[in-house]
Amino acid sequence: MKIKVEYADGLRADKNVDRVPEVDDRFEDDLVENVTEYTPLREGYAAYVRLKKPPGERSE
């Protein structure tokens, strides 16, 4: 399924995943801060996922 991901630095990307991540899961070295699932799909996306840097790490 396709999701829209917003990284901690503000960049956005489309990703294909097997399952929608949950809040506080690790996703590509960051932590999931917020998940908005779309039922039915919205413009082909199953969810919008916002990421944050793990505690102790800085955005550059």
PDB file of N, CA and C in Angstrom:
ATOM      1  N   MET A   1       0.837  -1.170   0.000  1.00  0.00           N
ATOM      2  CA  MET A   1       0.000   0.000   0.000  1.00  0.00           C
ATOM      3  C   MET A   1       0.887   1.240   0.000  1.00  0.00           C
ATOM      4  N   LYS A   2       0.343   2.333  -0.472  1.00  0.00           N
ATOM      5  CA  LYS A   2       1.111   3.567  -0.601  1.00  0.00           C
ATOM      6  C   LYS A   2       0.758   4.510   0.546  1.00  0.00           C
ATOM      7  N   ILE A   3       1.803   5.110   1.146  1.00  0.00           N
ATOM      8  CA  ILE A   3       1.608   6.107   2.193  1.00  0.00           C
ATOM      9  C   ILE A   3       2.398   7.360   1.834  1.00  0.00           C
ATOM     10  N   LYS A   4       1.966   8.477   2.384  1.00  0.00           N
ATOM     11  CA  LYS A   4       2.695   9.737   2.255  1.00  0.00           C
ATOM     12  C   LYS A   4       3.432   9.938   3.570  1.00  0.00           C
ATOM     13  N   VAL A   5       4.748  10.189   3.488  1.00  0.00           N
ATOM     14  CA  VAL A   5       5.579  10.342   4.684  1.00  0.00           C
ATOM     15  C   VAL A   5       6.135  11.763   4.725  1.00  0.00           C
ATOM     16  N   GLU A   6       6.012  12.415   5.888  1.00  0.00           N
ATOM     17  CA  GLU A   6       6.657  13.703   6.116  1.00  0.00           C
ATOM     18  C   GLU A   6       7.768  13.486   7.138  1.00  0.00           C
ATOM     19  N   TYR A   7       8.998  13.748   6.713  1.00  0.00           N
ATOM     20  CA  TYR A   7      10.161  13.545   7.576  1.00  0.00           C
ATOM     21  C   TYR A   7      10.316  14.701   8.551  1.00  0.00           C
ATOM     22  N   ALA A   8      11.148  14.515   9.571  1.00  0.00           N
ATOM     23  CA  ALA A   8      11.357  15.517  10.611  1.00  0.00           C
ATOM     24  C   ALA A   8      11.890  16.832  10.037  1.00  0.00           C
ATOM     25  N   ASP A   9      12.634  16.760   8.932  1.00  0.00           N
ATOM     26  CA  ASP A   9      13.188  17.977   8.331  1.00  0.00           C
ATOM     27  C   ASP A   9      12.213  18.661   7.368  1.00  0.00           C
ATOM     28  N   GLY A  10      10.989  18.125   7.245  1.00  0.00           N
ATOM     29  CA  GLY A  10       9.964  18.746   6.431  1.00  0.00           C
ATOM     30  C   GLY A  10       9.809  18.175   5.026  1.00  0.00           C
ATOM     31  N   LEU A  11      10.759  17.366   4.583  1.00  0.00           N
ATOM     32  CA  LEU A  11      10.640  16.753   3.272  1.00  0.00           C
ATOM     33  C   LEU A  11       9.517  15.727   3.271  1.00  0.00           C
ATOM     34  N   ARG A  12       8.895  15.539   2.105  1.00  0.00           N
ATOM     35  CA  ARG A  12       7.808  14.557   1.980  1.00  0.00           C
ATOM     36  C   ARG A  12       8.146  13.574   0.877  1.00  0.00           C
ATOM     37  N   ALA A  13       7.644  12.346   1.037  1.00  0.00           N
ATOM     38  CA  ALA A  13       7.891  11.307   0.036  1.00  0.00           C
ATOM     39  C   ALA A  13       6.755  10.296   0.054  1.00  0.00           C
ATOM     40  N   ASP A  14       6.569   9.634  -1.088  1.00  0.00           N
ATOM     41  CA  ASP A  14       5.633   8.521  -1.189  1.00  0.00           C
ATOM     42  C   ASP A  14       6.411   7.241  -0.925  1.00  0.00           C
ATOM     43  N   LYS A  15       5.847   6.341  -0.136  1.00  0.00           N
ATOM     44  CA  LYS A  15       6.499   5.070   0.171  1.00  0.00           C
ATOM     45  C   LYS A  15       5.496   3.939   0.008  1.00  0.00           C
ATOM     46  N   ASN A  16       5.982   2.814  -0.475  1.00  0.00           N
ATOM     47  CA  ASN A  16       5.174   1.596  -0.534  1.00  0.00           C
ATOM     48  C   ASN A  16       5.556   0.725   0.653  1.00  0.00           C
ATOM     49  N   VAL A  17       4.572   0.319   1.440  1.00  0.00           N
ATOM     50  CA  VAL A  17       4.818  -0.470   2.655  1.00  0.00           C
ATOM     51  C   VAL A  17       3.850  -1.648   2.712  1.00  0.00           C
ATOM     52  N   ASP A  18       4.217  -2.657   3.511  1.00  0.00           N
ATOM     53  CA  ASP A  18       3.342  -3.808   3.724  1.00  0.00           C
ATOM     54  C   ASP A  18       2.241  -3.498   4.728  1.00  0.00           C
ATOM     55  N   ARG A  19       2.577  -2.648   5.722  1.00  0.00           N
ATOM     56  CA  ARG A  19       1.595  -2.266   6.736  1.00  0.00           C
ATOM     57  C   ARG A  19       1.839  -0.817   7.138  1.00  0.00           C
ATOM     58  N   VAL A  20       0.797  -0.170   7.585  1.00  0.00           N
ATOM     59  CA  VAL A  20       0.902   1.213   8.044  1.00  0.00           C
ATOM     60  C   VAL A  20       1.584   1.205   9.415  1.00  0.00           C
ATOM     61  N   PRO A  21       2.656   1.990   9.587  1.00  0.00           N
ATOM     62  CA  PRO A  21       3.316   2.031  10.898  1.00  0.00           C
ATOM     63  C   PRO A  21       2.417   2.673  11.951  1.00  0.00           C
ATOM     64  N   GLU A  22       2.710   2.370  13.197  1.00  0.00           N
ATOM     65  CA  GLU A  22       1.952   2.938  14.316  1.00  0.00           C
ATOM     66  C   GLU A  22       2.789   3.983  15.036  1.00  0.00           C
ATOM     67  N   VAL A  23       2.135   4.825  15.824  1.00  0.00           N
ATOM     68  CA  VAL A  23       2.828   5.854  16.593  1.00  0.00           C
ATOM     69  C   VAL A  23       3.907   5.199  17.458  1.00  0.00           C
ATOM     70  N   ASP A  24       5.085   5.807  17.487  1.00  0.00           N
ATOM     71  CA  ASP A  24       6.275   5.375  18.232  1.00  0.00           C
ATOM     72  C   ASP A  24       7.009   4.199  17.592  1.00  0.00           C
ATOM     73  N   ASP A  25       6.545   3.704  16.426  1.00  0.00           N
ATOM     74  CA  ASP A  25       7.322   2.714  15.673  1.00  0.00           C
ATOM     75  C   ASP A  25       8.524   3.407  15.053  1.00  0.00           C
ATOM     76  N   ARG A  26       9.579   2.641  14.788  1.00  0.00           N
ATOM     77  CA  ARG A  26      10.723   3.140  14.020  1.00  0.00           C
ATOM     78  C   ARG A  26      10.382   3.024  12.545  1.00  0.00           C
ATOM     79  N   PHE A  27      10.700   4.069  11.781  1.00  0.00           N
ATOM     80  CA  PHE A  27      10.501   4.054  10.331  1.00  0.00           C
ATOM     81  C   PHE A  27      11.655   4.827   9.720  1.00  0.00           C
ATOM     82  N   GLU A  28      12.518   4.117   9.002  1.00  0.00           N
ATOM     83  CA  GLU A  28      13.680   4.733   8.353  1.00  0.00           C
ATOM     84  C   GLU A  28      14.496   5.592   9.325  1.00  0.00           C
ATOM     85  N   ASP A  29      14.887   5.061  10.452  1.00  0.00           N
ATOM     86  CA  ASP A  29      15.743   5.700  11.461  1.00  0.00           C
ATOM     87  C   ASP A  29      15.067   6.817  12.255  1.00  0.00           C
ATOM     88  N   ASP A  30      13.809   7.115  11.997  1.00  0.00           N
ATOM     89  CA  ASP A  30      13.075   8.114  12.768  1.00  0.00           C
ATOM     90  C   ASP A  30      11.929   7.429  13.507  1.00  0.00           C
ATOM     91  N   LEU A  31      11.263   8.184  14.376  1.00  0.00           N
ATOM     92  CA  LEU A  31      10.100   7.670  15.100  1.00  0.00           C
ATOM     93  C   LEU A  31       8.829   8.235  14.490  1.00  0.00           C
ATOM     94  N   VAL A  32       7.787   7.422  14.466  1.00  0.00           N
ATOM     95  CA  VAL A  32       6.495   7.874  13.958  1.00  0.00           C
ATOM     96  C   VAL A  32       5.840   8.740  15.035  1.00  0.00           C
ATOM     97  N   GLU A  33       5.515   9.978  14.660  1.00  0.00           N
ATOM     98  CA  GLU A  33       4.889  10.912  15.596  1.00  0.00           C
ATOM     99  C   GLU A  33       3.366  10.893  15.474  1.00  0.00           C
ATOM    100  N   ASN A  34       2.864  10.778  14.231  1.00  0.00           N
ATOM    101  CA  ASN A  34       1.435  10.844  14.010  1.00  0.00           C
ATOM    102  C   ASN A  34       1.075  10.032  12.768  1.00  0.00           C
ATOM    103  N   VAL A  35      -0.063   9.345  12.812  1.00  0.00           N
ATOM    104  CA  VAL A  35      -0.555   8.575  11.668  1.00  0.00           C
ATOM    105  C   VAL A  35      -2.019   8.938  11.439  1.00  0.00           C
ATOM    106  N   THR A  36      -2.338   9.296  10.205  1.00  0.00           N
ATOM    107  CA  THR A  36      -3.720   9.532   9.811  1.00  0.00           C
ATOM    108  C   THR A  36      -4.050   8.515   8.729  1.00  0.00           C
ATOM    109  N   GLU A  37      -4.872   7.536   9.080  1.00  0.00           N
ATOM    110  CA  GLU A  37      -5.250   6.502   8.106  1.00  0.00           C
ATOM    111  C   GLU A  37      -6.469   6.958   7.332  1.00  0.00           C
ATOM    112  N   TYR A  38      -6.494   6.608   6.046  1.00  0.00           N
ATOM    113  CA  TYR A  38      -7.594   6.976   5.171  1.00  0.00           C
ATOM    114  C   TYR A  38      -8.392   5.746   4.789  1.00  0.00           C
ATOM    115  N   THR A  39      -9.676   5.737   5.160  1.00  0.00           N
ATOM    116  CA  THR A  39     -10.590   4.669   4.761  1.00  0.00           C
ATOM    117  C   THR A  39     -11.860   5.331   4.265  1.00  0.00           C
ATOM    118  N   PRO A  40     -12.167   5.271   3.008  1.00  0.00           N
ATOM    119  CA  PRO A  40     -11.430   4.621   1.920  1.00  0.00           C
ATOM    120  C   PRO A  40     -10.164   5.396   1.567  1.00  0.00           C
ATOM    121  N   LEU A  41      -9.366   4.839   0.660  1.00  0.00           N
ATOM    122  CA  LEU A  41      -8.120   5.477   0.257  1.00  0.00           C
ATOM    123  C   LEU A  41      -8.389   6.901  -0.232  1.00  0.00           C
ATOM    124  N   ARG A  42      -7.465   7.794   0.069  1.00  0.00           N
ATOM    125  CA  ARG A  42      -7.580   9.177  -0.388  1.00  0.00           C
ATOM    126  C   ARG A  42      -6.500   9.430  -1.432  1.00  0.00           C
ATOM    127  N   GLU A  43      -6.925   9.659  -2.656  1.00  0.00           N
ATOM    128  CA  GLU A  43      -6.012   9.887  -3.776  1.00  0.00           C
ATOM    129  C   GLU A  43      -4.974   8.770  -3.888  1.00  0.00           C
ATOM    130  N   GLY A  44      -5.381   7.551  -3.549  1.00  0.00           N
ATOM    131  CA  GLY A  44      -4.495   6.394  -3.659  1.00  0.00           C
ATOM    132  C   GLY A  44      -3.638   6.121  -2.441  1.00  0.00           C
ATOM    133  N   TYR A  45      -3.726   6.963  -1.410  1.00  0.00           N
ATOM    134  CA  TYR A  45      -2.912   6.792  -0.204  1.00  0.00           C
ATOM    135  C   TYR A  45      -3.708   6.112   0.905  1.00  0.00           C
ATOM    136  N   ALA A  46      -3.055   5.182   1.601  1.00  0.00           N
ATOM    137  CA  ALA A  46      -3.680   4.502   2.730  1.00  0.00           C
ATOM    138  C   ALA A  46      -3.522   5.302   4.021  1.00  0.00           C
ATOM    139  N   ALA A  47      -2.463   6.154   4.083  1.00  0.00           N
ATOM    140  CA  ALA A  47      -2.211   6.910   5.310  1.00  0.00           C
ATOM    141  C   ALA A  47      -1.231   8.042   5.059  1.00  0.00           C
ATOM    142  N   TYR A  48      -1.271   9.008   5.978  1.00  0.00           N
ATOM    143  CA  TYR A  48      -0.291  10.090   6.044  1.00  0.00           C
ATOM    144  C   TYR A  48       0.479   9.867   7.341  1.00  0.00           C
ATOM    145  N   VAL A  49       1.804   9.819   7.265  1.00  0.00           N
ATOM    146  CA  VAL A  49       2.642   9.511   8.425  1.00  0.00           C
ATOM    147  C   VAL A  49       3.629  10.647   8.640  1.00  0.00           C
ATOM    148  N   ARG A  50       3.645  11.210   9.856  1.00  0.00           N
ATOM    149  CA  ARG A  50       4.612  12.259  10.204  1.00  0.00           C
ATOM    150  C   ARG A  50       5.669  11.661  11.123  1.00  0.00           C
ATOM    151  N   LEU A  51       6.939  11.933  10.813  1.00  0.00           N
ATOM    152  CA  LEU A  51       8.052  11.391  11.583  1.00  0.00           C
ATOM    153  C   LEU A  51       8.708  12.470  12.422  1.00  0.00           C
ATOM    154  N   LYS A  52       9.385  12.048  13.485  1.00  0.00           N
ATOM    155  CA  LYS A  52      10.169  12.954  14.320  1.00  0.00           C
ATOM    156  C   LYS A  52      11.491  12.268  14.614  1.00  0.00           C
ATOM    157  N   LYS A  53      12.473  13.069  14.979  1.00  0.00           N
ATOM    158  CA  LYS A  53      13.773  12.515  15.353  1.00  0.00           C
ATOM    159  C   LYS A  53      13.642  11.850  16.732  1.00  0.00           C
ATOM    160  N   PRO A  54      14.329  10.724  16.937  1.00  0.00           N
ATOM    161  CA  PRO A  54      14.322  10.100  18.263  1.00  0.00           C
ATOM    162  C   PRO A  54      14.936  11.043  19.307  1.00  0.00           C
ATOM    163  N   PRO A  55      14.562  10.915  20.574  1.00  0.00           N
ATOM    164  CA  PRO A  55      15.125  11.762  21.627  1.00  0.00           C
ATOM    165  C   PRO A  55      16.655  11.692  21.617  1.00  0.00           C
ATOM    166  N   GLY A  56      17.293  12.837  21.780  1.00  0.00           N
ATOM    167  CA  GLY A  56      18.748  12.872  21.818  1.00  0.00           C
ATOM    168  C   GLY A  56      19.389  13.073  20.458  1.00  0.00           C
ATOM    169  N   GLU A  57      18.611  13.032  19.382  1.00  0.00           N
ATOM    170  CA  GLU A  57      19.146  13.271  18.041  1.00  0.00           C
ATOM    171  C   GLU A  57      18.617  14.592  17.533  1.00  0.00           C
ATOM    172  N   ARG A  58      19.459  15.274  16.764  1.00  0.00           N
ATOM    173  CA  ARG A  58      19.065  16.583  16.238  1.00  0.00           C
ATOM    174  C   ARG A  58      18.787  16.498  14.759  1.00  0.00           C
ATOM    175  N   SER A  59      17.908  17.354  14.276  1.00  0.00           N
ATOM    176  CA  SER A  59      17.739  17.542  12.837  1.00  0.00           C
ATOM    177  C   SER A  59      18.862  18.454  12.374  1.00  0.00           C
ATOM    178  N   GLU A  60      19.408  18.164  11.211  1.00  0.00           N
ATOM    179  CA  GLU A  60      20.502  19.011  10.724  1.00  0.00           C
ATOM    180  C   GLU A  60      20.025  19.916   9.629  1.00  0.00           C
TER     181      GLU A  60
END
